[in-house]
Amino acid sequence: MSYVVIIDDRGRMVLPAEVRRKLDIKKGSRVLLKVTSDSSAEIIVLDKLYEEVSKIFDEKFKGWKEEDHEASKMLEMMLSGDH
């Protein structure tokens, strides 16, 4: 899918509604505009990237606890009432 957009006098461009819907871009969404070496540009929707990374992080570190970390030991001690 390709679209021609116009850049206004302040350097802004309007993404067509179909593109915004397809990429789930809403008011306030953050996107990364990546300029490639061949002078083209790529838009990466950061909201989606954040959700994907968060999901992977949660899956990989589910139930993880740093046993030997001083803060973990102190927290465990406080919760057990041995302070």
N, C-alpha and C. Protein backbone atom coordinates (compact mmCIF):
# COMPACT_ATOMS: atom_id res chain seq x y z
N MET A 1 0.84 -1.16 0.00
CA MET A 1 0.00 0.00 0.00
C MET A 1 0.89 1.23 0.00
N SER A 2 0.60 2.13 -0.87
CA SER A 2 1.38 3.37 -0.99
C SER A 2 0.44 4.55 -1.06
N TYR A 3 0.86 5.66 -0.50
CA TYR A 3 0.06 6.88 -0.49
C TYR A 3 0.97 8.06 -0.78
N VAL A 4 0.43 9.07 -1.43
CA VAL A 4 1.13 10.33 -1.60
C VAL A 4 0.54 11.29 -0.58
N VAL A 5 1.40 11.89 0.23
CA VAL A 5 0.95 12.88 1.21
C VAL A 5 1.67 14.18 0.93
N ILE A 6 1.09 15.25 1.39
CA ILE A 6 1.67 16.58 1.16
C ILE A 6 2.23 17.11 2.48
N ILE A 7 3.39 17.69 2.41
CA ILE A 7 4.03 18.31 3.56
C ILE A 7 3.62 19.79 3.57
N ASP A 8 3.10 20.26 4.73
CA ASP A 8 2.66 21.65 4.77
C ASP A 8 3.85 22.58 5.06
N ASP A 9 3.57 23.87 5.16
CA ASP A 9 4.64 24.87 5.33
C ASP A 9 5.33 24.77 6.68
N ARG A 10 4.77 24.03 7.63
CA ARG A 10 5.40 23.83 8.93
C ARG A 10 6.10 22.46 9.02
N GLY A 11 6.16 21.74 7.88
CA GLY A 11 6.85 20.46 7.86
C GLY A 11 5.99 19.28 8.30
N ARG A 12 4.70 19.47 8.46
CA ARG A 12 3.81 18.41 8.92
C ARG A 12 3.20 17.67 7.74
N MET A 13 2.89 16.41 7.98
CA MET A 13 2.16 15.65 6.98
C MET A 13 0.99 14.95 7.67
N VAL A 14 -0.06 14.73 6.94
CA VAL A 14 -1.23 14.05 7.49
C VAL A 14 -1.22 12.63 6.94
N LEU A 15 -1.28 11.68 7.87
CA LEU A 15 -1.38 10.28 7.46
C LEU A 15 -2.84 10.01 7.09
N PRO A 16 -3.08 9.38 5.97
CA PRO A 16 -4.46 9.07 5.59
C PRO A 16 -5.15 8.21 6.65
N ALA A 17 -6.46 8.38 6.80
CA ALA A 17 -7.24 7.67 7.80
C ALA A 17 -7.06 6.15 7.67
N GLU A 18 -6.99 5.65 6.48
CA GLU A 18 -6.83 4.20 6.27
C GLU A 18 -5.51 3.71 6.87
N VAL A 19 -4.45 4.49 6.73
CA VAL A 19 -3.15 4.15 7.30
C VAL A 19 -3.22 4.17 8.82
N ARG A 20 -3.83 5.22 9.37
CA ARG A 20 -3.96 5.32 10.83
C ARG A 20 -4.75 4.15 11.39
N ARG A 21 -5.82 3.78 10.71
CA ARG A 21 -6.62 2.63 11.18
C ARG A 21 -5.82 1.34 11.11
N LYS A 22 -5.15 1.13 9.99
CA LYS A 22 -4.40 -0.11 9.80
C LYS A 22 -3.27 -0.24 10.82
N LEU A 23 -2.61 0.88 11.16
CA LEU A 23 -1.50 0.87 12.12
C LEU A 23 -1.96 1.14 13.55
N ASP A 24 -3.25 1.35 13.74
CA ASP A 24 -3.84 1.66 15.05
C ASP A 24 -3.18 2.88 15.69
N ILE A 25 -3.02 3.91 14.87
CA ILE A 25 -2.44 5.18 15.34
C ILE A 25 -3.59 6.10 15.72
N LYS A 26 -3.56 6.57 16.97
CA LYS A 26 -4.59 7.46 17.47
C LYS A 26 -3.94 8.77 17.93
N LYS A 27 -4.76 9.73 18.27
CA LYS A 27 -4.25 11.00 18.79
C LYS A 27 -3.37 10.70 20.00
N GLY A 28 -2.16 11.24 20.00
CA GLY A 28 -1.22 11.02 21.11
C GLY A 28 -0.33 9.81 20.94
N SER A 29 -0.58 8.99 19.91
CA SER A 29 0.30 7.83 19.67
C SER A 29 1.70 8.31 19.37
N ARG A 30 2.66 7.54 19.78
CA ARG A 30 4.06 7.87 19.48
C ARG A 30 4.55 6.93 18.38
N VAL A 31 5.22 7.52 17.41
CA VAL A 31 5.79 6.74 16.31
C VAL A 31 7.25 7.13 16.15
N LEU A 32 8.02 6.20 15.66
CA LEU A 32 9.42 6.45 15.36
C LEU A 32 9.53 6.58 13.85
N LEU A 33 10.11 7.67 13.39
CA LEU A 33 10.35 7.86 11.97
C LEU A 33 11.80 7.53 11.72
N LYS A 34 12.03 6.45 11.01
CA LYS A 34 13.39 5.95 10.77
C LYS A 34 13.77 6.24 9.32
N VAL A 35 14.82 7.02 9.14
CA VAL A 35 15.31 7.33 7.80
C VAL A 35 16.37 6.29 7.45
N THR A 36 16.16 5.62 6.33
CA THR A 36 17.07 4.55 5.92
C THR A 36 18.18 5.10 5.04
N SER A 37 19.17 4.28 4.80
CA SER A 37 20.34 4.71 4.02
C SER A 37 20.00 5.01 2.57
N ASP A 38 18.88 4.48 2.07
CA ASP A 38 18.51 4.75 0.68
C ASP A 38 17.55 5.94 0.55
N SER A 39 17.56 6.81 1.56
CA SER A 39 16.75 8.04 1.58
C SER A 39 15.25 7.79 1.59
N SER A 40 14.84 6.65 2.12
CA SER A 40 13.41 6.43 2.33
C SER A 40 13.16 6.47 3.83
N ALA A 41 11.90 6.42 4.21
CA ALA A 41 11.56 6.50 5.63
C ALA A 41 10.63 5.36 6.01
N GLU A 42 10.72 4.96 7.25
CA GLU A 42 9.90 3.89 7.79
C GLU A 42 9.25 4.41 9.08
N ILE A 43 7.97 4.13 9.26
CA ILE A 43 7.27 4.53 10.48
C ILE A 43 7.07 3.30 11.35
N ILE A 44 7.51 3.40 12.60
CA ILE A 44 7.35 2.30 13.55
C ILE A 44 6.46 2.81 14.68
N VAL A 45 5.34 2.13 14.91
CA VAL A 45 4.42 2.55 15.96
C VAL A 45 4.98 2.06 17.30
N LEU A 46 5.40 2.98 18.14
CA LEU A 46 6.05 2.62 19.40
C LEU A 46 5.07 2.02 20.40
N ASP A 47 3.80 2.42 20.36
CA ASP A 47 2.81 1.86 21.28
C ASP A 47 2.73 0.34 21.11
N LYS A 48 2.67 -0.12 19.88
CA LYS A 48 2.61 -1.56 19.60
C LYS A 48 3.91 -2.24 20.01
N LEU A 49 5.03 -1.62 19.71
CA LEU A 49 6.33 -2.19 20.05
C LEU A 49 6.45 -2.34 21.57
N TYR A 50 6.00 -1.33 22.31
CA TYR A 50 6.04 -1.38 23.77
C TYR A 50 5.19 -2.55 24.28
N GLU A 51 3.99 -2.71 23.73
CA GLU A 51 3.12 -3.81 24.15
C GLU A 51 3.77 -5.17 23.88
N GLU A 52 4.38 -5.32 22.70
CA GLU A 52 5.02 -6.58 22.35
C GLU A 52 6.21 -6.88 23.27
N VAL A 53 7.04 -5.88 23.52
CA VAL A 53 8.20 -6.07 24.38
C VAL A 53 7.76 -6.37 25.81
N SER A 54 6.74 -5.68 26.29
CA SER A 54 6.22 -5.94 27.64
C SER A 54 5.71 -7.36 27.77
N LYS A 55 5.01 -7.84 26.77
CA LYS A 55 4.46 -9.20 26.79
C LYS A 55 5.59 -10.23 26.84
N ILE A 56 6.60 -10.04 26.02
CA ILE A 56 7.75 -10.96 25.99
C ILE A 56 8.48 -10.92 27.33
N PHE A 57 8.69 -9.73 27.88
CA PHE A 57 9.37 -9.58 29.16
C PHE A 57 8.58 -10.31 30.25
N ASP A 58 7.27 -10.09 30.29
CA ASP A 58 6.43 -10.75 31.30
C ASP A 58 6.50 -12.27 31.19
N GLU A 59 6.50 -12.79 29.96
CA GLU A 59 6.58 -14.24 29.76
C GLU A 59 7.93 -14.79 30.20
N LYS A 60 9.00 -14.11 29.84
CA LYS A 60 10.34 -14.60 30.13
C LYS A 60 10.69 -14.52 31.62
N PHE A 61 10.17 -13.49 32.31
CA PHE A 61 10.56 -13.26 33.69
C PHE A 61 9.42 -13.52 34.68
N LYS A 62 8.41 -14.28 34.25
CA LYS A 62 7.28 -14.59 35.12
C LYS A 62 7.78 -15.32 36.37
N GLY A 63 7.48 -14.76 37.53
CA GLY A 63 7.87 -15.38 38.78
C GLY A 63 9.34 -15.24 39.12
N TRP A 64 10.09 -14.47 38.32
CA TRP A 64 11.53 -14.32 38.56
C TRP A 64 11.77 -13.47 39.78
N LYS A 65 12.73 -13.87 40.57
CA LYS A 65 13.13 -13.12 41.75
C LYS A 65 14.63 -13.25 41.90
N GLU A 66 15.28 -12.15 42.12
CA GLU A 66 16.73 -12.17 42.27
C GLU A 66 17.04 -12.55 43.71
N GLU A 67 17.30 -13.82 43.93
CA GLU A 67 17.47 -14.38 45.27
C GLU A 67 18.63 -13.75 46.05
N ASP A 68 19.73 -13.48 45.40
CA ASP A 68 20.92 -13.03 46.11
C ASP A 68 21.04 -11.51 46.21
N HIS A 69 20.06 -10.79 45.73
CA HIS A 69 20.13 -9.34 45.78
C HIS A 69 19.78 -8.87 47.19
N GLU A 70 20.53 -7.93 47.68
CA GLU A 70 20.35 -7.42 49.05
C GLU A 70 18.94 -6.92 49.29
N ALA A 71 18.37 -6.21 48.31
CA ALA A 71 17.01 -5.68 48.48
C ALA A 71 16.00 -6.82 48.59
N SER A 72 16.19 -7.89 47.82
CA SER A 72 15.28 -9.04 47.91
C SER A 72 15.37 -9.69 49.28
N LYS A 73 16.59 -9.80 49.81
CA LYS A 73 16.78 -10.40 51.13
C LYS A 73 16.11 -9.54 52.20
N MET A 74 16.28 -8.22 52.12
CA MET A 74 15.68 -7.32 53.10
C MET A 74 14.15 -7.38 53.03
N LEU A 75 13.61 -7.41 51.83
CA LEU A 75 12.17 -7.48 51.66
C LEU A 75 11.63 -8.79 52.24
N GLU A 76 12.31 -9.88 51.94
CA GLU A 76 11.91 -11.18 52.49
C GLU A 76 11.94 -11.17 54.01
N MET A 77 12.99 -10.57 54.57
CA MET A 77 13.14 -10.49 56.02
C MET A 77 12.00 -9.65 56.64
N MET A 78 11.68 -8.54 55.97
CA MET A 78 10.61 -7.67 56.49
C MET A 78 9.25 -8.37 56.42
N LEU A 79 9.02 -9.08 55.34
CA LEU A 79 7.74 -9.76 55.18
C LEU A 79 7.57 -10.92 56.16
N SER A 80 8.68 -11.53 56.55
CA SER A 80 8.61 -12.66 57.47
C SER A 80 8.54 -12.20 58.93
N GLY A 81 8.80 -10.91 59.16
CA GLY A 81 8.74 -10.38 60.51
C GLY A 81 10.02 -10.59 61.31
N ASP A 82 11.12 -10.95 60.65
CA ASP A 82 12.42 -11.19 61.31
C ASP A 82 13.30 -9.94 61.36
N HIS A 83 12.72 -8.78 61.52
CA HIS A 83 13.55 -7.57 61.54
C HIS A 83 13.64 -7.00 62.89
